[in-house]
Protein backbone atom coordinates (compact mmCIF):
# COMPACT_ATOMS: atom_id res chain seq x y z
CA UNK A 1 -5.00 31.26 -28.23
CA UNK A 2 -8.17 30.10 -25.97
CA UNK A 3 -7.99 26.88 -26.84
CA UNK A 4 -5.23 25.63 -27.40
CA UNK A 5 -4.81 26.90 -23.86
CA UNK A 6 -7.26 24.57 -23.13
CA UNK A 7 -5.78 21.87 -25.06
CA UNK A 8 -2.31 22.09 -23.32
CA UNK A 9 -3.82 22.85 -20.33
CA UNK A 10 -6.41 19.38 -20.20
CA UNK A 11 -3.54 17.79 -22.34
CA UNK A 12 -1.20 17.96 -19.38
CA UNK A 13 -3.45 16.52 -16.76
CA UNK A 14 -3.06 12.83 -17.28
CA UNK A 15 1.45 13.84 -18.11
CA UNK A 16 0.78 14.56 -14.03
CA UNK A 17 -1.68 12.13 -12.98
CA UNK A 18 0.87 9.16 -14.71
CA UNK A 19 3.84 10.34 -14.76
CA UNK A 20 3.12 11.04 -10.69
CA UNK A 21 2.02 7.21 -10.90
CA UNK A 22 5.15 5.79 -12.49
CA UNK A 23 7.49 7.79 -10.32
CA UNK A 24 5.22 6.60 -6.84
CA UNK A 25 5.94 3.01 -8.63
CA UNK A 26 9.56 3.67 -8.90
CA UNK A 27 10.19 4.57 -5.35
CA UNK A 28 8.29 1.64 -4.20
CA UNK A 29 10.27 -0.91 -5.80
CA UNK A 30 13.88 0.54 -4.92
CA UNK A 31 12.39 0.99 -1.81
CA UNK A 32 11.44 -2.54 -1.62
CA UNK A 33 14.78 -3.74 -2.71
CA UNK A 34 16.31 -1.68 -0.10
CA UNK A 35 14.01 -3.30 2.88
CA UNK A 36 14.75 -6.96 1.55
CA UNK A 37 18.90 -5.67 1.19
CA UNK A 38 18.95 -4.88 5.10
CA UNK A 39 16.66 -8.10 5.55
CA UNK A 40 18.55 -10.28 3.85
CA UNK A 41 21.95 -8.71 5.03
CA UNK A 42 21.56 -8.25 8.55
CA UNK A 43 18.18 -9.67 9.30
CA UNK A 44 15.64 -6.73 8.90
CA UNK A 45 12.07 -7.27 11.06
CA UNK A 46 9.08 -4.97 11.22
CA UNK A 47 7.39 -2.29 8.46
CA UNK A 48 7.98 -0.35 6.47
CA UNK A 49 6.08 2.40 4.65
CA UNK A 50 6.01 5.68 2.91
CA UNK A 51 3.68 8.52 2.61
CA UNK A 52 3.77 11.57 -0.79
CA UNK A 53 0.77 13.93 0.00
CA UNK A 54 -1.46 12.52 1.24
CA UNK A 55 -1.49 8.83 -0.08
CA UNK A 56 0.25 5.97 0.27
CA UNK A 57 3.01 4.53 -1.72
CA UNK A 58 4.21 2.17 -0.18
CA UNK A 59 3.65 -0.27 2.88
CA UNK A 60 5.12 -3.49 3.09
CA UNK A 61 6.25 -6.41 6.20
CA UNK A 62 9.15 -7.88 6.62
CA UNK A 63 9.41 -10.59 8.76
CA UNK A 64 7.04 -11.92 11.20
CA UNK A 65 5.10 -10.05 13.78
CA UNK A 66 4.96 -13.12 15.53
CA UNK A 67 7.60 -15.94 15.42
CA UNK A 68 6.20 -18.08 16.86
CA UNK A 69 2.73 -18.69 15.37
CA UNK A 70 4.02 -16.81 12.14
CA UNK A 71 1.88 -14.51 12.00
CA UNK A 72 2.21 -11.60 9.43
CA UNK A 73 2.45 -8.41 9.67
CA UNK A 74 -0.62 -6.07 8.65
CA UNK A 75 -0.69 -2.36 7.54
CA UNK A 76 -2.43 -2.09 11.62
CA UNK A 77 0.03 -4.16 13.02
CA UNK A 78 0.43 -2.22 16.99
CA UNK A 79 4.48 -1.95 17.72
CA UNK A 80 5.88 -0.18 21.14
CA UNK A 81 7.23 3.16 19.33
CA UNK A 82 9.08 4.49 22.61
CA UNK A 83 10.26 8.03 22.26
CA UNK A 84 8.16 8.57 19.36
CA UNK A 85 5.75 9.40 22.42
CA UNK A 86 7.20 12.41 22.72
CA UNK A 87 5.80 14.10 20.34
CA UNK A 88 2.32 13.32 21.64
CA UNK A 89 2.57 14.79 25.01
CA UNK A 90 4.28 17.68 23.66
CA UNK A 91 0.96 17.73 21.41
CA UNK A 92 -0.83 17.32 24.64
CA UNK A 93 1.03 19.96 26.31
CA UNK A 94 0.28 23.23 23.49
CA UNK A 95 -3.76 21.59 23.72
CA UNK A 96 -3.57 22.81 26.68
CA UNK A 97 -2.31 25.81 26.35
CA UNK A 98 -4.26 26.58 23.24
CA UNK A 99 -6.95 26.04 26.46
CA UNK A 100 -5.33 28.85 28.36
CA UNK A 101 -3.85 25.95 31.39
CA UNK A 102 -0.44 26.74 31.46
CA UNK A 103 1.85 28.04 29.43
CA UNK A 104 4.64 26.65 28.15
CA UNK A 105 7.25 29.37 29.93
CA UNK A 106 5.54 28.47 33.62
CA UNK A 107 7.99 27.21 35.77
CA UNK A 108 7.10 23.53 36.47
CA UNK A 109 6.51 24.69 40.25
CA UNK A 110 4.17 26.41 39.40
CA UNK A 111 2.07 23.68 37.99
CA UNK A 112 3.96 20.17 40.28
CA UNK A 113 3.96 22.55 43.69
CA UNK A 114 5.55 19.43 45.27
CA UNK A 115 8.87 19.53 42.90
CA UNK A 116 12.10 19.82 44.68
CA UNK A 117 13.67 23.39 45.03
CA UNK A 118 16.13 23.35 42.91
CA UNK A 119 14.15 22.43 39.86
CA UNK A 120 12.63 26.12 40.62
CA UNK A 121 13.75 27.98 37.60
CA UNK A 122 12.98 25.03 35.49
CA UNK A 123 10.13 25.56 32.71
CA UNK A 124 8.31 23.87 30.89
CA UNK A 125 9.71 25.12 27.25
CA UNK A 126 13.44 23.68 29.40
CA UNK A 127 11.47 19.90 29.60
CA UNK A 128 10.25 19.92 26.17
CA UNK A 129 13.36 20.98 24.74
CA UNK A 130 16.07 18.47 27.19
CA UNK A 131 17.41 21.84 28.41
CA UNK A 132 16.34 21.33 32.10
CA UNK A 133 19.03 19.89 33.30
CA UNK A 134 17.12 17.84 36.15
CA UNK A 135 19.07 14.48 36.77
CA UNK A 136 17.68 11.08 34.25
CA UNK A 137 16.22 8.25 36.09
CA UNK A 138 18.07 5.13 36.06
CA UNK A 139 15.60 2.99 33.61
CA UNK A 140 17.69 -0.10 34.60
CA UNK A 141 14.26 0.35 37.66
CA UNK A 142 11.63 0.31 35.06
CA UNK A 143 12.37 -3.44 34.79
CA UNK A 144 14.14 -4.60 38.14
CA UNK A 145 10.38 -5.16 40.64
CA UNK A 146 8.24 -3.47 38.08
CA UNK A 147 6.02 -2.40 37.90
CA UNK A 148 6.85 1.45 39.42
CA UNK A 149 4.69 4.28 39.79
CA UNK A 150 6.96 7.30 37.94
CA UNK A 151 6.60 8.67 41.26
CA UNK A 152 8.74 5.79 43.04
CA UNK A 153 11.37 5.95 39.81
CA UNK A 154 11.78 9.30 40.13
CA UNK A 155 12.29 9.58 43.93
CA UNK A 156 15.33 9.20 44.09
CA UNK A 157 16.59 11.90 41.64
CA UNK A 158 14.38 14.51 43.70
CA UNK A 159 17.61 15.21 45.84
CA UNK A 160 20.08 15.77 43.16
CA UNK A 161 20.94 18.89 42.37
CA UNK A 162 20.96 19.81 38.20
CA UNK A 163 23.16 18.84 36.49
CA UNK A 164 23.14 22.36 34.56
CA UNK A 165 21.75 26.23 34.44
CA UNK A 166 17.78 25.51 33.00
CA UNK A 167 18.26 26.29 29.25
CA UNK A 168 21.94 26.40 28.83
CA UNK A 169 22.41 22.83 27.40
CA UNK A 170 20.66 20.39 25.52
CA UNK A 171 20.69 16.86 27.34
CA UNK A 172 18.22 14.62 25.91
CA UNK A 173 16.37 13.11 29.93
CA UNK A 174 13.40 10.94 29.57
CA UNK A 175 12.71 12.06 32.90
CA UNK A 176 11.53 15.92 30.97
CA UNK A 177 8.80 14.03 29.81
CA UNK A 178 7.90 11.72 32.34
CA UNK A 179 7.31 15.32 34.13
CA UNK A 180 5.42 16.53 31.37
CA UNK A 181 3.69 14.25 32.16
CA UNK A 182 2.83 14.49 35.18
CA UNK A 183 2.23 17.79 34.31
CA UNK A 184 -0.42 17.32 31.12
CA UNK A 185 -2.41 15.49 34.14
CA UNK A 186 -2.45 17.82 36.58
CA UNK A 187 -3.48 20.90 34.49
CA UNK A 188 -6.27 18.96 32.59
CA UNK A 189 -7.76 16.86 35.67
CA UNK A 190 -7.75 13.50 33.63
CA UNK A 191 -5.02 10.71 33.43
CA UNK A 192 -2.87 11.09 31.34
CA UNK A 193 -3.63 8.36 28.67
CA UNK A 194 -7.68 9.78 28.64
CA UNK A 195 -6.72 12.91 27.59
CA UNK A 196 -4.35 11.53 25.00
CA UNK A 197 -7.59 9.45 23.48
CA UNK A 198 -9.82 12.68 23.75
CA UNK A 199 -8.47 15.18 22.41
CA UNK A 200 -5.74 13.46 19.64
CA UNK A 201 -6.47 9.84 19.51
CA UNK A 202 -10.48 9.82 19.44
CA UNK A 203 -10.71 13.20 17.14
CA UNK A 204 -7.77 11.56 13.82
CA UNK A 205 -9.15 8.59 14.37
CA UNK A 206 -5.64 6.63 15.53
CA UNK A 207 -7.94 3.34 16.64
CA UNK A 208 -4.10 1.13 16.59
CA UNK A 209 -2.72 4.22 18.60
CA UNK A 210 -3.17 3.82 22.84
CA UNK A 211 -1.67 2.99 25.96
CA UNK A 212 -2.69 0.16 27.48
CA UNK A 213 -0.63 -2.77 25.41
CA UNK A 214 -1.15 -5.87 27.20
CA UNK A 215 -4.99 -5.11 26.50
CA UNK A 216 -3.79 -5.63 22.49
CA UNK A 217 -5.22 -7.96 20.99
CA UNK A 218 -2.91 -10.54 20.21
CA UNK A 219 -3.30 -10.89 16.47
CA UNK A 220 -3.20 -7.17 16.12
CA UNK A 221 0.48 -6.32 17.37
CA UNK A 222 3.67 -7.16 16.80
CA UNK A 223 6.23 -9.05 19.83
CA UNK A 224 9.52 -7.75 20.67
CA UNK A 225 12.34 -10.19 19.71
CA UNK A 226 16.36 -9.84 20.20
CA UNK A 227 18.77 -11.27 17.93
CA UNK A 228 21.64 -14.18 18.97
CA UNK A 229 23.34 -16.98 18.11
CA UNK A 230 20.11 -18.98 18.38
CA UNK A 231 18.42 -17.00 15.75
CA UNK A 232 15.35 -14.22 17.77
CA UNK A 233 14.14 -14.94 21.31
CA UNK A 234 11.88 -13.37 22.68
CA UNK A 235 11.30 -10.30 24.89
CA UNK A 236 9.70 -10.02 28.23
CA UNK A 237 6.23 -7.88 27.72
CA UNK A 238 7.49 -5.41 30.37
CA UNK A 239 4.93 -2.99 31.91
CA UNK A 240 6.41 0.80 30.77
CA UNK A 241 3.77 2.60 32.91
CA UNK A 242 6.16 4.09 35.40
CA UNK A 243 7.37 6.25 31.54
CA UNK A 244 4.00 7.54 31.11
CA UNK A 245 4.79 10.35 28.63
CA UNK A 246 8.36 9.96 27.68
CA UNK A 247 8.34 5.87 26.31
CA UNK A 248 4.59 4.11 26.88
CA UNK A 249 2.43 4.83 23.66
CA UNK A 250 2.15 1.95 20.99
CA UNK A 251 0.84 2.86 16.90
CA UNK A 252 1.17 1.55 14.04
CA UNK A 253 2.77 2.69 10.37
CA UNK A 254 -0.67 3.59 9.17
CA UNK A 255 -1.88 5.59 12.10
CA UNK A 256 1.87 7.30 12.69
CA UNK A 257 1.27 8.73 9.15
CA UNK A 258 -2.36 9.82 9.81
CA UNK A 259 -1.12 11.30 12.71
CA UNK A 260 1.94 12.79 11.01
CA UNK A 261 -0.20 14.57 8.58
CA UNK A 262 -2.99 15.76 10.55
CA UNK A 263 -0.25 17.58 12.90
CA UNK A 264 1.91 19.32 9.52
CA UNK A 265 -1.72 20.11 8.47
CA UNK A 266 -2.45 22.54 11.40
CA UNK A 267 -5.26 19.96 12.39
CA UNK A 268 -3.76 18.91 15.84
CA UNK A 269 -2.91 23.02 17.07
CA UNK A 270 -3.28 26.10 15.72
CA UNK A 271 -0.62 27.76 13.81
CA UNK A 272 1.30 29.38 16.22
CA UNK A 273 1.32 26.08 18.24
CA UNK A 274 2.81 23.86 14.99
CA UNK A 275 5.18 26.03 14.76
CA UNK A 276 6.29 26.78 18.78
CA UNK A 277 6.40 23.22 18.00
CA UNK A 278 8.87 22.78 15.68
CA UNK A 279 10.34 25.79 16.29
CA UNK A 280 14.49 24.06 16.85
CA UNK A 281 16.00 24.54 20.50
CA UNK A 282 19.69 23.33 21.15
CA UNK A 283 21.07 20.98 19.15
CA UNK A 284 18.31 20.72 16.60
CA UNK A 285 16.00 19.93 19.13
CA UNK A 286 12.19 21.42 19.46
CA UNK A 287 9.77 19.43 21.07
CA UNK A 288 9.44 15.98 20.89
CA UNK A 289 11.02 16.45 17.47
CA UNK A 290 14.35 17.00 15.87
CA UNK A 291 14.82 19.31 13.01
CA UNK A 292 17.92 18.76 11.25
CA UNK A 293 18.87 20.28 7.55
CA UNK A 294 17.36 22.69 5.13
CA UNK A 295 15.43 23.70 2.14
CA UNK A 296 14.69 19.81 0.14
CA UNK A 297 16.97 18.45 3.14
CA UNK A 298 14.45 19.37 5.96
CA UNK A 299 13.82 16.74 8.01
CA UNK A 300 11.25 16.32 10.75
CA UNK A 301 12.46 13.28 12.88
CA UNK A 302 12.31 11.40 15.87
CA UNK A 303 13.23 7.30 16.91
CA UNK A 304 12.51 5.75 19.46
CA UNK A 305 13.41 2.13 21.08
CA UNK A 306 12.02 0.14 24.38
CA UNK A 307 13.09 -3.68 24.58
CA UNK A 308 12.05 -5.07 21.46
CA UNK A 309 11.40 -1.70 19.18
CA UNK A 310 12.82 0.57 17.57
CA UNK A 311 10.77 2.91 15.73
CA UNK A 312 11.82 5.70 13.24
CA UNK A 313 9.89 8.68 11.97
CA UNK A 314 10.43 11.58 9.46
CA UNK A 315 8.69 14.60 7.48
CA UNK A 316 9.68 15.52 4.82
CA UNK A 317 8.19 19.26 4.52
CA UNK A 318 9.41 20.21 0.83
CA UNK A 319 7.32 16.93 -0.30
CA UNK A 320 5.31 16.65 2.40
CA UNK A 321 6.65 13.26 2.76
CA UNK A 322 6.20 11.23 5.79
CA UNK A 323 8.23 7.67 6.19
CA UNK A 324 8.19 5.44 9.00
CA UNK A 325 9.97 2.18 9.67
CA UNK A 326 8.89 0.30 12.55
CA UNK A 327 11.28 -2.91 14.07
CA UNK A 328 10.50 -5.86 16.92
CA UNK A 329 14.13 -6.83 16.38
CA UNK A 330 16.36 -4.94 18.62
CA UNK A 331 19.49 -5.88 20.37
CA UNK A 332 20.63 -5.96 23.96
CA UNK A 333 20.59 -2.80 25.32
CA UNK A 334 18.35 -0.96 22.93
CA UNK A 335 20.85 1.10 21.31
CA UNK A 336 20.25 -0.84 17.49
CA UNK A 337 18.22 -2.32 15.61
CA UNK A 338 19.77 -4.67 12.89
CA UNK A 339 20.00 -3.01 9.55
CA UNK A 340 16.07 -0.78 10.99
CA UNK A 341 18.43 2.31 10.99
CA UNK A 342 20.55 1.94 7.86
CA UNK A 343 16.72 1.02 6.19
CA UNK A 344 15.83 4.90 7.34
CA UNK A 345 18.55 7.00 5.59
CA UNK A 346 18.23 5.28 3.37
CA UNK A 347 14.77 5.36 2.07
CA UNK A 348 14.73 9.02 3.43
CA UNK A 349 17.75 10.21 0.60
CA UNK A 350 15.84 8.29 -1.88
CA UNK A 351 12.26 10.53 -1.33
CA UNK A 352 14.87 13.96 -0.45
CA UNK A 353 16.36 13.30 -4.38
CA UNK A 354 13.01 11.68 -5.86
CA UNK A 355 10.88 14.50 -5.23
CA UNK A 356 13.12 16.93 -6.87
CA UNK A 357 12.38 18.03 -10.57
CA UNK A 358 14.32 15.99 -12.86
CA UNK A 359 17.63 14.52 -11.00
CA UNK A 360 20.54 14.93 -12.82
CA UNK A 361 20.91 11.06 -13.07
CA UNK A 362 16.96 10.48 -13.77
CA UNK A 363 17.27 9.91 -17.95
CA UNK A 364 13.89 7.86 -18.33
CA UNK A 365 10.72 9.64 -20.03
CA UNK A 366 9.02 9.84 -16.65
CA UNK A 367 11.09 12.00 -15.46
CA UNK A 368 10.65 14.64 -18.72
CA UNK A 369 6.98 14.13 -18.53
CA UNK A 370 6.93 14.65 -14.88
CA UNK A 371 9.04 17.80 -15.11
CA UNK A 372 7.78 19.42 -17.74
CA UNK A 373 3.83 18.78 -15.90
CA UNK A 374 5.99 20.25 -13.05
CA UNK A 375 6.37 23.37 -15.04
CA UNK A 376 3.16 23.96 -16.79
CA UNK A 377 3.02 27.11 -15.88
CA UNK A 378 6.11 28.11 -17.15
CA UNK A 379 5.11 26.27 -20.16
CA UNK A 380 1.50 28.66 -19.80
CA UNK A 381 3.67 31.86 -20.02
CA UNK A 382 5.85 30.74 -23.06
CA UNK A 383 2.97 28.99 -24.97
CA UNK A 384 4.45 29.90 -28.46
CA UNK A 385 7.30 28.42 -28.10
CA UNK A 386 6.80 25.14 -28.45
CA UNK A 387 10.48 23.23 -28.12
CA UNK A 388 10.76 24.68 -24.43
CA UNK A 389 7.91 22.63 -23.56
CA UNK A 390 10.98 19.95 -21.82
CA UNK A 391 13.21 20.49 -19.49
C-alpha cells in the first residue's frame, strides 16, 4: 500500500506540472487573441501582463511606447498610472499607523492643524474610503499655469462647506488622497516621494516605479497619445506633482505585479493592516482599492487615468492572479482608452473561468489531467478505487 501511494504521488507531480504549463499556454493564447482583437478593432495600444501564483504567464506589448521614434514596449516600460497611486498612498498611511505615528481614526485636523473648521469631523479613514464630503479640486487648474503646489490647487476649497456628513456617503474625490499625501509628509517628516521610496519602492525592488516623471529615461517610458482622425496625436507631458498622493506616480507592468503580490502576501503590511485596507466600506471601496464579487469572482481592483495614460490593475485572491493593462492611448477627457477597459474585463473573466477546476465547457485531456491532479488528496483517500481517479 505504501509503495502504491508513493508511486501515485510521484506520478501526479509531472501531471500537475504538465497540466499547469498547458493551462497557462491556453490562457496566454486566448489573452493574445483578445488583445489583438481590441488592437485591430479599437486601436488598443499598451502592455498586458498576467501573473498567477507568482509566475508571469503572459506579458506583451501592442503598438509603440513612442510612435515618432518607433520604440517598442518592453517589460520595464514605464507608464503614468494615475489613480493606481492611491493604493500606494493608503499603504503608506497604514505603515505610519504600524509605527505609531498616526491612527486612521484620527481627525484630519490633528495631523493638519491649519485645515478648515468645517473639516473638524473628517477622519483619515473618511479620506481613505472617499467618504469625507470635502468638495473635489478643479482638475482644470492642474494644467492651467502648471505646475502648482497641492496647497494652491486646494486653496479655493477651504471656504466651501462639506457636501455631506463625513462617513454618510461615498463620493470619489482626488482631494482626499492629496490631503493624505500631506498627512504622510507631516507624520513622517519626509517628502511624500522619499517616504514611498524608502518604505515601499526600494524594499520591494520596484525599480521602475517613482514620482519624478521628467527624469525617467526616454527609452524606458511610454509617451501618451490621444486618438484623432489623423491617427494618434501626442499629448503634453504635464507636471503632476500637484496631485501627489492621488495620481502622480509612474510604474511598469512588472513592478505592478510585484507590488500587488507583495501587498496581498503580507510583505508590506501586517495582517491587521492588510485586512483594514481591503475591507470594503461604502460602494465596495476600501483604502485605494475597490472590492467586487465574491468567491471565485472576488476582484480587488482599481484603475487610473491622466492625460495620455489609462491603467487597470486587478487581483483575484481565489487563484492569486494579477491582471495589468496599461495603455498610452486615451481619448480627450481621460474617461476611456480605446479597447483597454473591454480588454481588462475580458481577461479578468477569462482568468476567473480558467482558474476553476474543470470548467464544464472544457473537454480536453489537459483539463481532465489538471482536475485529477488538483484532486490528488481525494484520490489518495480512495486509493483502491482506480476508476474514480478522473473527474
